[in-house]
Amino acid sequence: MCLESFWPSELSTVNSLVTLDGLLQSIVFTPAQFRCDPETSPPVNGLERLYTSLSFELLRCESADFVPPTVLSIELLTVDDGDEDGDATVHATVDATDASGIARIVALVFDSGSIVPTFRIIGEQSTPYEMDVLDVSPDDLMVFLVQDGACNVTWATGKGAKLRTMLIDAGADKVYVPDTPLSYTTTVFDVASLTMPLYYEWDFGDGTLESATLLPADLTPDGLGNATFTVDHAYSGVIAGTADVTVLDAAGGIATDAVGFACDDSSDADADLLSICDELPIGTDPADTDTDDDGCADGEEVLNEPLYGGGRDPLNHWDFYDVNGDKIIDSVDVGMVRAHYAPTDPTTPEEEIYDRSAGTAAWAPGAPDGVINALDIGLVRSSFMHTCEAPP
């Protein structure tokens, strides 16, 4: 019997080319899978079959739709299937349209001795249509047969006559220091099987793209038949995400890979207990241990408890009430504020260091309010023995 696996065992593409006078027509047809021969075991596949003659019937379809589907584009992406047999899975996206709708798409993979079909029965999904074609080898020919709802069929190849299955590796996940170039090295496997030149596009995940053509001189061989190329990119600010690379060769092969990236939270150049990834979002200076110059390191103000300088704003110079600069608020500081107590006199510029206003907490006062009064004495006493002498 004729097996479904040898579809289509029916007439394939028939296109009518109407001439200017509207009467004479040239018929261009593509034979589909040859009819299965029940006497042959196993059946002989169509493209490889030798024949001496070919006959066909010209039939009139009952449908008013004689126009075959239109294939707008075919995109092919190779996916590493984890095997070491040289084959790969190809994810195909077929953008096709027809007035009668798309009923069926079949991907035929032609290798050295057989035809392997992959079926995609179209239901309610809208275009473009997606399907996975398994076990595609380098140099296999892929043809897509698209059938509309009126039994018209057309065919198209994806990205040229040959599909080059390519494998690449973008490497391990990366950490970066903001505004410092980060190197991405991509390995392209089995370079000798590819058709030069290559083309790459990096999407760095921050809205930045980079693309270029790669000649053999741009690749660094690894001695194992593979080669690498490196691109540099500097991230500004603190983000995390995925960077994607796509590599194509001149014969239509395509491969993609992705690598994660994140800010390097171990980079603390100013030794203030905050990494550069912590400092940039809050506005502190990654190169200054004490951004607001109040005697407490930025990290002490953000990370620690109030007794050790925490619970404060690393951008507020006034919220650590240390008036003599020894990094501890003790009886000396309380006595100096009391000595300048003058609730009815405006604070002079020289006395500003002893003056504060109510802040976000009793131990975290605000900027001078212009008078040194009981509020100031209460605020400095609320911070008694708070220290930033050293991290706890």
Protein backbone atom coordinates (compact mmCIF):
# COMPACT_ATOMS: atom_id res chain seq x y z
CA MET A 1 0.00 0.00 0.00
CA CYS A 2 1.04 3.61 -0.35
CA LEU A 3 2.25 4.87 3.02
CA GLU A 4 1.48 8.35 4.31
CA SER A 5 5.18 8.70 5.10
CA PHE A 6 5.77 9.06 1.36
CA TRP A 7 3.44 12.04 1.05
CA PRO A 8 2.75 13.62 -1.26
CA SER A 9 1.84 10.71 -3.50
CA GLU A 10 -0.28 13.15 -5.46
CA LEU A 11 0.23 15.89 -7.98
CA SER A 12 2.34 18.71 -6.66
CA THR A 13 2.68 22.28 -7.92
CA VAL A 14 0.78 23.32 -11.01
CA ASN A 15 1.10 27.00 -11.87
CA SER A 16 -0.80 28.67 -14.70
CA LEU A 17 1.01 31.51 -16.41
CA VAL A 18 -1.59 33.60 -18.25
CA THR A 19 -0.44 35.28 -21.45
CA LEU A 20 -1.39 38.77 -22.55
CA ASP A 21 -4.23 37.57 -24.79
CA GLY A 22 -5.69 35.59 -21.93
CA LEU A 23 -6.03 32.41 -23.98
CA LEU A 24 -2.71 30.63 -24.34
CA GLN A 25 -1.10 29.34 -21.17
CA SER A 26 2.22 27.82 -20.27
CA ILE A 27 1.96 25.07 -17.64
CA VAL A 28 4.91 24.73 -15.24
CA PHE A 29 4.66 21.75 -12.92
CA THR A 30 6.81 20.09 -10.30
CA PRO A 31 6.25 16.36 -9.73
CA ALA A 32 5.72 15.41 -6.12
CA GLN A 33 6.72 12.11 -4.51
CA PHE A 34 6.49 9.34 -7.06
CA ARG A 35 3.58 7.00 -6.53
CA CYS A 36 4.49 4.26 -4.08
CA ASP A 37 5.00 0.89 -5.75
CA PRO A 38 3.36 -1.81 -3.59
CA GLU A 39 5.45 -4.46 -5.34
CA THR A 40 8.72 -2.85 -4.30
CA SER A 41 10.08 -3.56 -0.84
CA PRO A 42 11.22 -1.25 0.47
CA PRO A 43 9.69 1.54 -1.64
CA VAL A 44 12.11 3.62 -3.67
CA ASN A 45 12.14 7.28 -2.73
CA GLY A 46 11.20 9.72 -5.43
CA LEU A 47 14.08 12.15 -5.88
CA GLU A 48 16.66 9.37 -6.05
CA ARG A 49 14.67 7.13 -8.37
CA LEU A 50 15.95 6.60 -11.90
CA TYR A 51 13.27 6.69 -14.60
CA THR A 52 13.03 6.77 -18.37
CA SER A 53 9.67 8.43 -18.81
CA LEU A 54 7.20 10.54 -16.92
CA SER A 55 3.49 10.84 -17.53
CA PHE A 56 0.97 13.09 -15.91
CA GLU A 57 -2.69 13.95 -16.00
CA LEU A 58 -4.02 17.47 -16.22
CA LEU A 59 -7.06 17.70 -13.99
CA ARG A 60 -9.47 20.52 -13.36
CA CYS A 61 -10.03 21.38 -9.72
CA GLU A 62 -13.62 22.02 -8.64
CA SER A 63 -12.51 24.93 -6.51
CA ALA A 64 -12.53 28.43 -7.91
CA ASP A 65 -9.10 28.91 -6.32
CA PHE A 66 -6.42 27.91 -8.83
CA VAL A 67 -3.66 30.02 -7.28
CA PRO A 68 -1.00 28.20 -5.26
CA PRO A 69 0.04 29.55 -1.86
CA THR A 70 2.52 32.39 -1.62
CA VAL A 71 5.59 31.73 0.52
CA LEU A 72 6.80 35.07 1.82
CA SER A 73 9.85 33.88 3.74
CA ILE A 74 11.52 30.88 5.34
CA GLU A 75 13.77 31.33 8.35
CA LEU A 76 15.94 28.46 9.56
CA LEU A 77 17.70 28.25 12.91
CA THR A 78 19.88 25.32 13.88
CA VAL A 79 19.59 24.09 17.45
CA ASP A 80 22.24 21.94 19.09
CA ASP A 81 20.47 18.69 20.00
CA GLY A 82 23.24 17.59 22.37
CA ASP A 83 24.32 14.62 20.25
CA GLU A 84 27.75 14.21 18.71
CA ASP A 85 26.54 12.64 15.46
CA GLY A 86 26.93 15.83 13.42
CA ASP A 87 23.17 16.26 13.00
CA ALA A 88 21.10 19.08 14.40
CA THR A 89 17.50 20.11 14.85
CA VAL A 90 16.36 22.88 12.52
CA HIS A 91 13.64 25.22 13.75
CA ALA A 92 11.81 26.44 10.64
CA THR A 93 9.51 29.45 10.48
CA VAL A 94 7.46 29.52 7.27
CA ASP A 95 5.54 32.68 6.46
CA ALA A 96 2.93 31.70 3.87
CA THR A 97 -0.43 33.04 2.82
CA ASP A 98 -3.34 32.05 0.59
CA ALA A 99 -6.94 33.10 0.09
CA SER A 100 -8.07 29.55 0.92
CA GLY A 101 -5.87 29.35 3.99
CA ILE A 102 -2.88 27.10 4.61
CA ALA A 103 -3.81 23.44 5.24
CA ARG A 104 -0.49 21.64 5.46
CA ILE A 105 3.25 22.28 5.38
CA VAL A 106 5.72 19.46 4.84
CA ALA A 107 9.48 19.80 5.18
CA LEU A 108 11.36 17.30 3.02
CA VAL A 109 15.00 16.67 3.89
CA PHE A 110 16.95 15.17 0.99
CA ASP A 111 20.16 13.42 1.98
CA SER A 112 22.40 11.11 0.00
CA GLY A 113 19.88 8.32 -0.33
CA SER A 114 16.47 9.08 1.09
CA ILE A 115 13.77 11.63 1.64
CA VAL A 116 12.64 12.22 5.21
CA PRO A 117 9.38 14.19 5.63
CA THR A 118 8.33 16.27 8.62
CA PHE A 119 4.64 17.17 8.67
CA ARG A 120 3.00 20.29 10.03
CA ILE A 121 -0.79 20.13 9.92
CA ILE A 122 -2.10 23.66 10.24
CA GLY A 123 -5.01 24.24 12.57
CA GLU A 124 -6.08 27.66 13.82
CA GLN A 125 -2.57 29.03 14.19
CA SER A 126 -1.94 32.24 12.30
CA THR A 127 1.08 32.79 10.10
CA PRO A 128 4.03 32.50 10.39
CA TYR A 129 4.00 28.74 10.99
CA GLU A 130 6.72 27.03 13.01
CA MET A 131 8.02 23.46 12.98
CA ASP A 132 11.07 21.53 14.16
CA VAL A 133 12.89 19.34 11.65
CA LEU A 134 15.02 16.70 13.37
CA ASP A 135 18.36 15.12 12.43
CA VAL A 136 19.44 17.46 9.65
CA SER A 137 22.99 16.86 8.46
CA PRO A 138 25.39 19.27 6.77
CA ASP A 139 24.72 19.59 3.01
CA ASP A 140 21.19 18.20 3.26
CA LEU A 141 18.72 19.88 0.93
CA MET A 142 15.50 21.07 2.51
CA VAL A 143 12.35 21.74 0.52
CA PHE A 144 9.10 23.00 2.01
CA LEU A 145 5.82 21.98 0.36
CA VAL A 146 2.94 24.27 1.27
CA GLN A 147 -0.64 23.23 0.51
CA ASP A 148 -3.61 25.56 0.69
CA GLY A 149 -7.21 24.75 1.51
CA ALA A 150 -8.07 24.26 -2.17
CA CYS A 151 -5.38 21.59 -2.74
CA ASN A 152 -3.00 23.93 -4.55
CA VAL A 153 0.62 23.25 -3.66
CA THR A 154 3.81 25.24 -3.97
CA TRP A 155 7.35 24.57 -2.83
CA ALA A 156 10.27 26.65 -1.68
CA THR A 157 13.75 26.09 -0.34
CA GLY A 158 15.03 27.81 2.76
CA LYS A 159 17.91 30.26 2.40
CA GLY A 160 19.48 28.74 -0.71
CA ALA A 161 19.83 25.25 -2.11
CA LYS A 162 21.96 23.89 0.72
CA LEU A 163 21.25 24.11 4.44
CA ARG A 164 24.48 24.27 6.37
CA THR A 165 23.97 23.06 9.90
CA MET A 166 26.23 25.20 12.04
CA LEU A 167 27.15 24.99 15.69
CA ILE A 168 28.51 27.84 17.77
CA ASP A 169 29.23 28.40 21.45
CA ALA A 170 29.10 31.86 23.01
CA GLY A 171 30.84 30.67 26.15
CA ALA A 172 29.97 30.87 29.83
CA ASP A 173 27.91 33.58 31.51
CA LYS A 174 29.71 36.88 32.04
CA VAL A 175 30.11 39.46 34.78
CA TYR A 176 31.10 42.99 33.88
CA VAL A 177 32.38 46.15 35.49
CA PRO A 178 30.35 49.13 34.23
CA ASP A 179 32.03 51.21 31.52
CA THR A 180 34.83 48.64 31.25
CA PRO A 181 35.07 46.62 27.99
CA LEU A 182 33.87 43.04 28.35
CA SER A 183 35.09 40.43 25.86
CA TYR A 184 32.68 37.95 24.28
CA THR A 185 34.45 35.06 22.52
CA THR A 186 32.40 32.86 20.19
CA THR A 187 33.56 29.43 19.01
CA VAL A 188 32.50 28.37 15.51
CA PHE A 189 32.77 24.60 15.09
CA ASP A 190 33.99 22.72 12.00
CA VAL A 191 34.95 25.86 10.11
CA ALA A 192 36.22 23.95 7.07
CA SER A 193 32.67 22.77 6.31
CA LEU A 194 31.37 26.34 6.10
CA THR A 195 31.31 28.69 3.15
CA MET A 196 33.17 31.94 3.69
CA PRO A 197 32.68 34.74 4.47
CA LEU A 198 30.82 34.48 7.72
CA TYR A 199 28.58 37.17 9.14
CA TYR A 200 27.77 37.77 12.80
CA GLU A 201 25.34 39.89 14.78
CA TRP A 202 25.57 40.40 18.54
CA ASP A 203 22.57 41.68 20.49
CA PHE A 204 24.18 42.68 23.78
CA GLY A 205 20.89 42.83 25.68
CA ASP A 206 21.12 46.55 26.47
CA GLY A 207 19.64 47.82 23.21
CA THR A 208 23.01 47.73 21.45
CA LEU A 209 23.68 45.67 18.32
CA GLU A 210 26.96 44.95 16.58
CA SER A 211 27.40 43.15 13.26
CA ALA A 212 30.22 42.55 10.80
CA THR A 213 31.55 40.22 8.13
CA LEU A 214 34.20 37.69 9.14
CA LEU A 215 36.93 36.64 6.73
CA PRO A 216 39.28 33.72 7.47
CA ALA A 217 41.88 36.20 8.72
CA ASP A 218 39.39 37.40 11.36
CA LEU A 219 39.11 33.93 12.92
CA THR A 220 41.55 32.32 15.35
CA PRO A 221 41.93 28.55 14.78
CA ASP A 222 41.97 26.35 17.88
CA GLY A 223 43.86 23.45 16.27
CA LEU A 224 40.79 21.19 16.49
CA GLY A 225 39.06 22.30 13.32
CA ASN A 226 37.19 25.08 15.07
CA ALA A 227 37.84 28.82 15.28
CA THR A 228 36.96 31.75 17.51
CA PHE A 229 36.29 35.44 17.16
CA THR A 230 36.02 38.04 19.93
CA VAL A 231 34.04 41.25 20.27
CA ASP A 232 34.20 43.78 23.12
CA HIS A 233 31.30 45.66 24.63
CA ALA A 234 31.11 48.05 27.58
CA TYR A 235 27.89 48.20 29.62
CA SER A 236 26.85 51.45 31.24
CA GLY A 237 24.95 51.29 34.47
CA VAL A 238 23.76 48.16 36.20
CA ILE A 239 21.64 45.66 34.29
CA ALA A 240 21.38 41.90 33.94
CA GLY A 241 20.08 39.88 31.04
CA THR A 242 21.01 37.77 28.05
CA ALA A 243 23.24 38.59 25.10
CA ASP A 244 22.52 36.74 21.83
CA VAL A 245 24.85 36.02 18.92
CA THR A 246 23.86 34.85 15.43
CA VAL A 247 26.40 33.58 12.89
CA LEU A 248 25.67 32.88 9.23
CA ASP A 249 27.80 31.53 6.42
CA ALA A 250 27.63 32.38 2.71
CA ALA A 251 25.70 29.19 1.90
CA GLY A 252 22.78 30.08 4.14
CA GLY A 253 23.80 28.29 7.30
CA ILE A 254 22.76 29.93 10.53
CA ALA A 255 23.35 29.29 14.21
CA THR A 256 22.51 31.16 17.39
CA ASP A 257 23.59 31.03 21.01
CA ALA A 258 23.04 33.09 24.13
CA VAL A 259 25.05 34.00 27.20
CA GLY A 260 23.90 35.62 30.41
CA PHE A 261 25.52 38.74 31.83
CA ALA A 262 25.36 40.60 35.11
CA CYS A 263 27.24 43.32 36.93
CA ASP A 264 30.32 42.18 38.88
CA ASP A 265 29.23 42.67 42.48
CA SER A 266 32.70 41.74 43.76
CA SER A 267 34.29 44.92 42.40
CA ASP A 268 34.80 47.36 45.31
CA ALA A 269 37.64 49.60 44.13
CA ASP A 270 37.20 52.17 46.94
CA ALA A 271 36.82 49.56 49.72
CA ASP A 272 33.65 51.13 51.12
CA LEU A 273 31.75 47.81 51.50
CA LEU A 274 29.70 48.53 48.36
CA SER A 275 30.45 47.12 44.91
CA ILE A 276 30.24 49.35 41.89
CA CYS A 277 27.00 47.52 41.08
CA ASP A 278 25.59 48.74 44.41
CA GLU A 279 26.89 52.29 44.11
CA LEU A 280 25.77 53.33 40.65
CA PRO A 281 22.03 52.87 41.28
CA ILE A 282 22.10 54.91 44.51
CA GLY A 283 24.36 57.65 43.13
CA THR A 284 27.44 57.22 45.31
CA ASP A 285 30.92 57.56 43.83
CA PRO A 286 32.53 54.14 43.18
CA ALA A 287 35.95 55.80 43.51
CA ASP A 288 35.24 57.60 46.84
CA THR A 289 34.94 55.67 50.08
CA ASP A 290 32.90 58.43 51.73
CA THR A 291 30.88 60.17 49.01
CA ASP A 292 29.16 62.69 51.30
CA ASP A 293 32.32 63.27 53.40
CA ASP A 294 30.59 62.84 56.76
CA GLY A 295 33.07 60.38 58.24
CA CYS A 296 31.15 57.19 57.43
CA ALA A 297 31.98 54.94 54.50
CA ASP A 298 29.18 54.62 51.96
CA GLY A 299 28.69 50.96 52.81
CA GLU A 300 28.49 51.68 56.54
CA GLU A 301 25.65 54.10 55.98
CA VAL A 302 23.73 51.71 53.76
CA LEU A 303 24.47 48.29 55.20
CA ASN A 304 25.04 48.60 58.93
CA GLU A 305 22.80 49.23 61.91
CA PRO A 306 22.59 52.80 63.29
CA LEU A 307 25.12 52.15 66.07
CA TYR A 308 27.73 51.53 63.37
CA GLY A 309 26.76 54.40 61.09
CA GLY A 310 23.87 52.65 59.34
CA GLY A 311 20.33 53.77 58.66
CA ARG A 312 21.72 56.91 57.04
CA ASP A 313 21.88 58.46 53.59
CA PRO A 314 25.33 58.14 51.97
CA LEU A 315 24.58 61.36 50.06
CA ASN A 316 23.63 63.40 53.16
CA HIS A 317 26.66 65.09 54.69
CA TRP A 318 24.77 66.06 57.86
CA ASP A 319 23.23 62.81 59.12
CA PHE A 320 26.27 61.60 61.10
CA TYR A 321 26.48 64.12 64.00
CA ASP A 322 30.25 63.91 64.48
CA VAL A 323 31.37 67.51 64.97
CA ASN A 324 35.07 66.93 65.78
CA GLY A 325 35.74 64.41 62.97
CA ASP A 326 36.95 61.44 65.05
CA LYS A 327 34.25 59.11 63.57
CA ILE A 328 32.47 58.56 66.88
CA ILE A 329 29.69 60.61 68.43
CA ASP A 330 30.60 60.78 72.11
CA SER A 331 30.52 63.18 75.07
CA VAL A 332 32.96 65.49 73.31
CA ASP A 333 30.47 66.07 70.46
CA VAL A 334 27.55 66.52 72.87
CA GLY A 335 29.58 69.05 74.89
CA MET A 336 30.59 71.04 71.78
CA VAL A 337 26.96 71.35 70.64
CA ARG A 338 25.89 72.40 74.12
CA ALA A 339 28.70 74.99 74.19
CA HIS A 340 27.25 76.63 71.08
CA TYR A 341 23.69 76.56 72.33
CA ALA A 342 22.08 79.86 71.28
CA PRO A 343 18.38 79.34 70.62
CA THR A 344 17.74 83.01 69.75
CA ASP A 345 20.82 83.74 67.67
CA PRO A 346 21.20 82.81 64.01
CA THR A 347 23.92 80.30 63.29
CA THR A 348 27.08 81.78 61.83
CA PRO A 349 28.98 79.99 59.02
CA GLU A 350 31.63 78.96 61.55
CA GLU A 351 28.98 77.44 63.82
CA GLU A 352 27.16 75.54 61.04
CA ILE A 353 28.97 72.31 61.91
CA TYR A 354 27.10 72.22 65.25
CA ASP A 355 23.67 72.90 63.74
CA ARG A 356 21.18 70.34 62.39
CA SER A 357 17.50 69.93 61.59
CA ALA A 358 15.09 67.03 62.04
CA GLY A 359 15.87 64.26 59.54
CA THR A 360 14.65 60.79 58.59
CA ALA A 361 15.33 59.43 62.08
CA ALA A 362 16.44 60.73 65.47
CA TRP A 363 19.99 59.47 64.79
CA ALA A 364 19.95 60.75 61.19
CA PRO A 365 19.43 64.53 61.26
CA GLY A 366 19.15 66.84 58.30
CA ALA A 367 20.96 69.99 57.13
CA PRO A 368 21.37 73.05 59.44
CA ASP A 369 18.16 74.93 60.18
CA GLY A 370 19.86 78.19 61.14
CA VAL A 371 19.71 77.98 64.92
CA ILE A 372 21.39 75.81 67.58
CA ASN A 373 18.72 74.99 70.13
CA ALA A 374 17.29 72.13 72.18
CA LEU A 375 16.51 70.15 68.99
CA ASP A 376 20.22 69.97 68.18
CA ILE A 377 21.13 68.81 71.67
CA GLY A 378 18.45 66.13 71.47
CA LEU A 379 19.66 64.97 68.05
CA VAL A 380 23.30 64.65 68.99
CA ARG A 381 22.38 62.78 72.17
CA SER A 382 20.20 60.39 70.09
CA SER A 383 23.36 59.40 68.18
CA PHE A 384 25.47 58.97 71.33
CA MET A 385 28.25 56.42 70.81
CA HIS A 386 27.35 55.80 67.19
CA THR A 387 30.61 55.13 65.39
CA CYS A 388 32.12 54.76 61.95
CA GLU A 389 35.64 54.09 63.16
CA ALA A 390 35.74 50.72 61.41
CA PRO A 391 33.29 48.22 59.91
CA PRO A 392 31.74 46.02 62.64
